[in-house]
Amino acid sequence: MPLATIIQEMPADVKKALQDGLPSFRSFNSADAILKQTLLQATHGQTVSILGVPDVLSVGKGLNGAKSAGWRVAVSNSGAAVAADIYTMQRGGKYPVPDGAPRLACLRQGPEVDNMLQTITSITAPSLAGQLPAEPFNVQLLIMPGLFTDALLLQPQNSGSTTPFIVPFHTLVGNVRLNYAYTEQELIALLRPIAEKWISCAPKLSRASGVP
């Protein structure tokens, strides 16, 4: 079976949240007409998971500790790109939202969106495809804010056939390569020193802020 990328279809409630929320964003209303229409008519996107600092420590759960956060829908036209983030996490405060309820949280533009779309396209290009098994992968997003890295998470569609691969498209970590297919263990080994530094600094930050 050849290498293939599969972009998942959004559930009906996620698609409705996208369509209902877009008109309230000024950046959407001022966007190129084709870009607006493409985003409004989008039916597929990437599920988003968040990997936290504790997850990559030696006692962490790795990818098993990643938390589902929602969806991202990204489209492009004539060199311009925009991504819509639909959150599904629980929200407290004055206007609480239960876990699993989708709402359009923000629109993104800029190099990170461009890089994400280019990396998705590159999966089947020779330089990246040569690093991956010849089988279909679901293309998801793995966001790692405390680890200064965002990546595509390639989950094999055939359960148990192979391990997931992680392909960074944005990072501030010097020894993490972009457009490179890492196994979970390989990437965690590179990110763990960042996590350990965060943990070692936490008591000092607490004292500086007056937190007992």
C-alpha atoms as a PDB file:
ATOM      1  CA  MET A   1       0.000   0.000   0.000  1.00  0.00           C
ATOM      2  CA  PRO A   2       1.508   3.400  -0.938  1.00  0.00           C
ATOM      3  CA  LEU A   3       2.177   6.242   1.467  1.00  0.00           C
ATOM      4  CA  ALA A   4      -0.926   8.435   1.702  1.00  0.00           C
ATOM      5  CA  THR A   5      -2.081  11.326   3.863  1.00  0.00           C
ATOM      6  CA  ILE A   6      -5.637  11.420   5.174  1.00  0.00           C
ATOM      7  CA  ILE A   7      -7.200  14.688   6.310  1.00  0.00           C
ATOM      8  CA  GLN A   8     -10.095  13.979   8.625  1.00  0.00           C
ATOM      9  CA  GLU A   9     -13.664  15.134   8.067  1.00  0.00           C
ATOM     10  CA  MET A  10     -14.980  17.491  10.727  1.00  0.00           C
ATOM     11  CA  PRO A  11     -18.014  16.458  12.777  1.00  0.00           C
ATOM     12  CA  ALA A  12     -21.158  18.444  12.047  1.00  0.00           C
ATOM     13  CA  ASP A  13     -21.008  20.451  15.300  1.00  0.00           C
ATOM     14  CA  VAL A  14     -17.396  21.492  14.655  1.00  0.00           C
ATOM     15  CA  LYS A  15     -18.234  22.591  11.115  1.00  0.00           C
ATOM     16  CA  LYS A  16     -21.220  24.600  12.409  1.00  0.00           C
ATOM     17  CA  ALA A  17     -19.039  26.293  15.047  1.00  0.00           C
ATOM     18  CA  LEU A  18     -16.622  27.290  12.283  1.00  0.00           C
ATOM     19  CA  GLN A  19     -19.298  28.684   9.990  1.00  0.00           C
ATOM     20  CA  ASP A  20     -21.169  30.486  12.767  1.00  0.00           C
ATOM     21  CA  GLY A  21     -18.036  32.026  14.240  1.00  0.00           C
ATOM     22  CA  LEU A  22     -16.206  33.256  11.136  1.00  0.00           C
ATOM     23  CA  PRO A  23     -18.265  36.428  10.463  1.00  0.00           C
ATOM     24  CA  SER A  24     -17.348  37.816  13.894  1.00  0.00           C
ATOM     25  CA  PHE A  25     -13.645  38.029  12.952  1.00  0.00           C
ATOM     26  CA  ARG A  26     -12.458  41.197  11.233  1.00  0.00           C
ATOM     27  CA  SER A  27      -9.564  39.346   9.590  1.00  0.00           C
ATOM     28  CA  PHE A  28     -12.062  36.989   7.961  1.00  0.00           C
ATOM     29  CA  ASN A  29     -14.308  39.762   6.677  1.00  0.00           C
ATOM     30  CA  SER A  30     -11.342  41.583   5.132  1.00  0.00           C
ATOM     31  CA  ALA A  31      -9.820  38.451   3.572  1.00  0.00           C
ATOM     32  CA  ASP A  32      -9.681  37.564  -0.116  1.00  0.00           C
ATOM     33  CA  ALA A  33     -13.119  36.466  -1.379  1.00  0.00           C
ATOM     34  CA  ILE A  34     -11.889  33.054  -2.544  1.00  0.00           C
ATOM     35  CA  LEU A  35     -10.104  32.468   0.756  1.00  0.00           C
ATOM     36  CA  LYS A  36     -13.273  33.357   2.674  1.00  0.00           C
ATOM     37  CA  GLN A  37     -15.433  31.048   0.594  1.00  0.00           C
ATOM     38  CA  THR A  38     -12.932  28.199   0.833  1.00  0.00           C
ATOM     39  CA  LEU A  39     -12.821  28.482   4.620  1.00  0.00           C
ATOM     40  CA  LEU A  40     -16.610  28.691   4.904  1.00  0.00           C
ATOM     41  CA  GLN A  41     -17.035  25.582   2.770  1.00  0.00           C
ATOM     42  CA  ALA A  42     -14.244  23.581   4.450  1.00  0.00           C
ATOM     43  CA  THR A  43     -15.259  20.082   5.501  1.00  0.00           C
ATOM     44  CA  HIS A  44     -11.903  18.643   6.610  1.00  0.00           C
ATOM     45  CA  GLY A  45      -9.202  19.616   9.077  1.00  0.00           C
ATOM     46  CA  GLN A  46      -6.704  18.406  11.648  1.00  0.00           C
ATOM     47  CA  THR A  47      -7.530  17.351  15.179  1.00  0.00           C
ATOM     48  CA  VAL A  48      -5.291  19.163  17.672  1.00  0.00           C
ATOM     49  CA  SER A  49      -3.637  17.692  20.762  1.00  0.00           C
ATOM     50  CA  ILE A  50      -1.475  19.495  23.317  1.00  0.00           C
ATOM     51  CA  LEU A  51       1.647  17.878  24.724  1.00  0.00           C
ATOM     52  CA  GLY A  52       2.748  19.447  28.002  1.00  0.00           C
ATOM     53  CA  VAL A  53       6.131  19.807  29.671  1.00  0.00           C
ATOM     54  CA  PRO A  54       5.510  16.967  32.195  1.00  0.00           C
ATOM     55  CA  ASP A  55       4.648  14.563  29.376  1.00  0.00           C
ATOM     56  CA  VAL A  56       8.227  14.463  28.061  1.00  0.00           C
ATOM     57  CA  LEU A  57       9.960  13.967  31.413  1.00  0.00           C
ATOM     58  CA  SER A  58      11.372  10.534  32.241  1.00  0.00           C
ATOM     59  CA  VAL A  59       8.263   9.850  34.365  1.00  0.00           C
ATOM     60  CA  GLY A  60       5.910  11.384  31.780  1.00  0.00           C
ATOM     61  CA  LYS A  61       3.352   9.614  29.626  1.00  0.00           C
ATOM     62  CA  GLY A  62       4.624  10.827  26.256  1.00  0.00           C
ATOM     63  CA  LEU A  63       1.986  10.914  23.556  1.00  0.00           C
ATOM     64  CA  ASN A  64      -0.387   9.050  25.862  1.00  0.00           C
ATOM     65  CA  GLY A  65      -0.469  12.188  28.015  1.00  0.00           C
ATOM     66  CA  ALA A  66      -1.398  14.528  25.140  1.00  0.00           C
ATOM     67  CA  LYS A  67      -4.763  16.228  25.658  1.00  0.00           C
ATOM     68  CA  SER A  68      -7.342  16.751  22.941  1.00  0.00           C
ATOM     69  CA  ALA A  69      -7.839  20.471  22.312  1.00  0.00           C
ATOM     70  CA  GLY A  70     -10.004  20.772  19.184  1.00  0.00           C
ATOM     71  CA  TRP A  71      -9.517  21.250  15.462  1.00  0.00           C
ATOM     72  CA  ARG A  72      -7.559  23.429  13.054  1.00  0.00           C
ATOM     73  CA  VAL A  73      -8.812  24.178   9.557  1.00  0.00           C
ATOM     74  CA  ALA A  74      -6.260  25.787   7.248  1.00  0.00           C
ATOM     75  CA  VAL A  75      -6.748  26.949   3.656  1.00  0.00           C
ATOM     76  CA  SER A  76      -4.690  28.935   1.156  1.00  0.00           C
ATOM     77  CA  ASN A  77      -5.137  30.860  -2.080  1.00  0.00           C
ATOM     78  CA  SER A  78      -2.634  32.732  -4.238  1.00  0.00           C
ATOM     79  CA  GLY A  79       0.082  32.658  -1.595  1.00  0.00           C
ATOM     80  CA  ALA A  80      -2.170  33.748   1.278  1.00  0.00           C
ATOM     81  CA  ALA A  81      -3.160  31.299   4.019  1.00  0.00           C
ATOM     82  CA  VAL A  82      -5.396  31.377   7.064  1.00  0.00           C
ATOM     83  CA  ALA A  83      -6.116  28.838   9.805  1.00  0.00           C
ATOM     84  CA  ALA A  84      -9.138  28.663  12.074  1.00  0.00           C
ATOM     85  CA  ASP A  85      -8.745  27.114  15.526  1.00  0.00           C
ATOM     86  CA  ILE A  86     -11.859  25.503  16.996  1.00  0.00           C
ATOM     87  CA  TYR A  87     -11.488  24.718  20.695  1.00  0.00           C
ATOM     88  CA  THR A  88     -13.321  21.879  22.404  1.00  0.00           C
ATOM     89  CA  MET A  89     -11.712  22.091  25.863  1.00  0.00           C
ATOM     90  CA  GLN A  90     -13.739  22.938  28.931  1.00  0.00           C
ATOM     91  CA  ARG A  91     -13.744  26.611  29.911  1.00  0.00           C
ATOM     92  CA  GLY A  92     -14.598  28.012  33.319  1.00  0.00           C
ATOM     93  CA  GLY A  93     -15.095  31.568  34.467  1.00  0.00           C
ATOM     94  CA  LYS A  94     -18.025  33.896  33.894  1.00  0.00           C
ATOM     95  CA  TYR A  95     -19.043  32.195  30.643  1.00  0.00           C
ATOM     96  CA  PRO A  96     -18.300  28.484  31.186  1.00  0.00           C
ATOM     97  CA  VAL A  97     -18.260  26.010  28.320  1.00  0.00           C
ATOM     98  CA  PRO A  98     -18.477  22.251  28.898  1.00  0.00           C
ATOM     99  CA  ASP A  99     -15.792  19.898  27.659  1.00  0.00           C
ATOM    100  CA  GLY A 100     -16.382  18.865  24.051  1.00  0.00           C
ATOM    101  CA  ALA A 101     -18.457  21.926  23.060  1.00  0.00           C
ATOM    102  CA  PRO A 102     -16.793  23.428  19.943  1.00  0.00           C
ATOM    103  CA  ARG A 103     -16.346  27.174  19.462  1.00  0.00           C
ATOM    104  CA  LEU A 104     -14.209  29.154  17.042  1.00  0.00           C
ATOM    105  CA  ALA A 105     -11.452  30.675  19.170  1.00  0.00           C
ATOM    106  CA  CYS A 106      -9.132  32.445  16.746  1.00  0.00           C
ATOM    107  CA  LEU A 107      -7.904  32.896  13.194  1.00  0.00           C
ATOM    108  CA  ARG A 108      -4.192  32.596  12.466  1.00  0.00           C
ATOM    109  CA  GLN A 109      -2.054  33.919   9.642  1.00  0.00           C
ATOM    110  CA  GLY A 110       1.670  34.096   9.070  1.00  0.00           C
ATOM    111  CA  PRO A 111       4.712  31.859   8.634  1.00  0.00           C
ATOM    112  CA  GLU A 112       3.566  29.111  11.013  1.00  0.00           C
ATOM    113  CA  VAL A 113       0.367  28.526   9.021  1.00  0.00           C
ATOM    114  CA  ASP A 114       2.332  28.603   5.752  1.00  0.00           C
ATOM    115  CA  ASN A 115       4.892  26.150   7.151  1.00  0.00           C
ATOM    116  CA  MET A 116       2.174  23.808   8.397  1.00  0.00           C
ATOM    117  CA  LEU A 117       0.503  23.638   4.986  1.00  0.00           C
ATOM    118  CA  GLN A 118       3.838  23.226   3.202  1.00  0.00           C
ATOM    119  CA  THR A 119       4.819  20.391   5.532  1.00  0.00           C
ATOM    120  CA  ILE A 120       1.520  18.598   4.914  1.00  0.00           C
ATOM    121  CA  THR A 121       2.217  18.840   1.177  1.00  0.00           C
ATOM    122  CA  SER A 122       5.794  17.638   1.712  1.00  0.00           C
ATOM    123  CA  ILE A 123       4.787  14.375   3.396  1.00  0.00           C
ATOM    124  CA  THR A 124       4.519  12.608   0.054  1.00  0.00           C
ATOM    125  CA  ALA A 125       7.553  14.383  -1.474  1.00  0.00           C
ATOM    126  CA  PRO A 126      10.669  12.218  -1.840  1.00  0.00           C
ATOM    127  CA  SER A 127      12.765  13.819   0.928  1.00  0.00           C
ATOM    128  CA  LEU A 128      10.151  13.199   3.623  1.00  0.00           C
ATOM    129  CA  ALA A 129       8.331  10.210   2.154  1.00  0.00           C
ATOM    130  CA  GLY A 130      11.612   8.294   2.182  1.00  0.00           C
ATOM    131  CA  GLN A 131      11.603   8.498   5.992  1.00  0.00           C
ATOM    132  CA  LEU A 132       8.126   6.993   6.358  1.00  0.00           C
ATOM    133  CA  PRO A 133       6.604   3.544   5.840  1.00  0.00           C
ATOM    134  CA  ALA A 134       4.484   3.072   2.725  1.00  0.00           C
ATOM    135  CA  GLU A 135       1.059   3.157   4.350  1.00  0.00           C
ATOM    136  CA  PRO A 136      -1.767   5.649   4.998  1.00  0.00           C
ATOM    137  CA  PHE A 137      -1.470   8.147   7.863  1.00  0.00           C
ATOM    138  CA  ASN A 138      -4.065  10.376   9.498  1.00  0.00           C
ATOM    139  CA  VAL A 139      -2.613  13.895   9.648  1.00  0.00           C
ATOM    140  CA  GLN A 140      -3.145  15.518  13.045  1.00  0.00           C
ATOM    141  CA  LEU A 141      -1.537  18.424  14.908  1.00  0.00           C
ATOM    142  CA  LEU A 142       0.589  18.232  18.037  1.00  0.00           C
ATOM    143  CA  ILE A 143       1.049  21.585  19.780  1.00  0.00           C
ATOM    144  CA  MET A 144       3.803  21.851  22.402  1.00  0.00           C
ATOM    145  CA  PRO A 145       3.726  25.435  23.715  1.00  0.00           C
ATOM    146  CA  GLY A 146       6.026  24.907  26.717  1.00  0.00           C
ATOM    147  CA  LEU A 147       8.490  23.079  24.486  1.00  0.00           C
ATOM    148  CA  PHE A 148       8.556  25.741  21.747  1.00  0.00           C
ATOM    149  CA  THR A 149       7.614  23.252  19.047  1.00  0.00           C
ATOM    150  CA  ASP A 150       4.573  22.505  16.871  1.00  0.00           C
ATOM    151  CA  ALA A 151       4.366  19.455  14.632  1.00  0.00           C
ATOM    152  CA  LEU A 152       2.281  17.206  12.463  1.00  0.00           C
ATOM    153  CA  LEU A 153       1.355  13.996  14.220  1.00  0.00           C
ATOM    154  CA  LEU A 154       1.113  11.185  11.689  1.00  0.00           C
ATOM    155  CA  GLN A 155      -1.043   8.410  13.099  1.00  0.00           C
ATOM    156  CA  PRO A 156      -1.069   5.167  11.092  1.00  0.00           C
ATOM    157  CA  GLN A 157      -4.585   4.506   9.843  1.00  0.00           C
ATOM    158  CA  ASN A 158      -4.117   0.775  10.249  1.00  0.00           C
ATOM    159  CA  SER A 159      -3.978   0.223  13.985  1.00  0.00           C
ATOM    160  CA  GLY A 160      -0.869  -1.612  15.177  1.00  0.00           C
ATOM    161  CA  SER A 161       0.847  -1.512  11.800  1.00  0.00           C
ATOM    162  CA  THR A 162       3.587   0.932  12.810  1.00  0.00           C
ATOM    163  CA  THR A 163       4.362   3.647  15.343  1.00  0.00           C
ATOM    164  CA  PRO A 164       3.227   7.284  14.981  1.00  0.00           C
ATOM    165  CA  PHE A 165       5.638   9.809  13.513  1.00  0.00           C
ATOM    166  CA  ILE A 166       6.063  13.446  14.520  1.00  0.00           C
ATOM    167  CA  VAL A 167       7.118  15.996  11.891  1.00  0.00           C
ATOM    168  CA  PRO A 168       7.923  19.470  13.300  1.00  0.00           C
ATOM    169  CA  PHE A 169       6.940  22.497  11.214  1.00  0.00           C
ATOM    170  CA  HIS A 170       7.832  25.127  13.826  1.00  0.00           C
ATOM    171  CA  THR A 171      10.443  25.072  16.592  1.00  0.00           C
ATOM    172  CA  LEU A 172      12.775  27.277  18.578  1.00  0.00           C
ATOM    173  CA  VAL A 173      14.795  24.276  19.776  1.00  0.00           C
ATOM    174  CA  GLY A 174      18.127  24.314  17.978  1.00  0.00           C
ATOM    175  CA  ASN A 175      18.668  20.586  17.510  1.00  0.00           C
ATOM    176  CA  VAL A 176      15.104  19.796  16.376  1.00  0.00           C
ATOM    177  CA  ARG A 177      14.903  19.564  12.593  1.00  0.00           C
ATOM    178  CA  LEU A 178      11.952  20.814  10.588  1.00  0.00           C
ATOM    179  CA  ASN A 179      10.337  18.514   8.005  1.00  0.00           C
ATOM    180  CA  TYR A 180      11.956  15.488   9.598  1.00  0.00           C
ATOM    181  CA  ALA A 181      10.019  12.398  10.670  1.00  0.00           C
ATOM    182  CA  TYR A 182      10.816  11.592  14.301  1.00  0.00           C
ATOM    183  CA  THR A 183       9.550   8.688  16.323  1.00  0.00           C
ATOM    184  CA  GLU A 184       8.008   9.613  19.663  1.00  0.00           C
ATOM    185  CA  GLN A 185      11.109   8.479  21.540  1.00  0.00           C
ATOM    186  CA  GLU A 186      13.495  10.391  19.254  1.00  0.00           C
ATOM    187  CA  LEU A 187      11.717  13.722  19.599  1.00  0.00           C
ATOM    188  CA  ILE A 188      11.114  13.384  23.341  1.00  0.00           C
ATOM    189  CA  ALA A 189      14.846  12.792  23.835  1.00  0.00           C
ATOM    190  CA  LEU A 190      15.529  16.155  22.169  1.00  0.00           C
ATOM    191  CA  LEU A 191      12.804  18.020  24.091  1.00  0.00           C
ATOM    192  CA  ARG A 192      13.406  16.520  27.539  1.00  0.00           C
ATOM    193  CA  PRO A 193      16.287  18.922  28.434  1.00  0.00           C
ATOM    194  CA  ILE A 194      13.888  21.841  27.833  1.00  0.00           C
ATOM    195  CA  ALA A 195      11.286  20.241  30.108  1.00  0.00           C
ATOM    196  CA  GLU A 196      13.862  19.506  32.819  1.00  0.00           C
ATOM    197  CA  LYS A 197      15.001  23.121  32.725  1.00  0.00           C
ATOM    198  CA  TRP A 198      11.407  24.295  33.149  1.00  0.00           C
ATOM    199  CA  ILE A 199      10.961  22.007  36.152  1.00  0.00           C
ATOM    200  CA  SER A 200      14.235  23.109  37.749  1.00  0.00           C
ATOM    201  CA  CYS A 201      13.256  26.770  37.342  1.00  0.00           C
ATOM    202  CA  ALA A 202       9.720  26.340  38.727  1.00  0.00           C
ATOM    203  CA  PRO A 203      10.659  26.736  42.442  1.00  0.00           C
ATOM    204  CA  LYS A 204      12.681  29.881  41.679  1.00  0.00           C
ATOM    205  CA  LEU A 205       9.796  31.376  39.690  1.00  0.00           C
ATOM    206  CA  SER A 206       7.374  30.601  42.520  1.00  0.00           C
ATOM    207  CA  ARG A 207       9.616  32.325  45.075  1.00  0.00           C
ATOM    208  CA  ALA A 208      10.064  35.333  42.798  1.00  0.00           C
ATOM    209  CA  SER A 209       6.309  35.743  42.423  1.00  0.00           C
ATOM    210  CA  GLY A 210       5.676  35.339  46.136  1.00  0.00           C
ATOM    211  CA  VAL A 211       3.897  31.997  45.785  1.00  0.00           C
ATOM    212  CA  PRO A 212       4.647  29.798  48.831  1.00  0.00           C
END
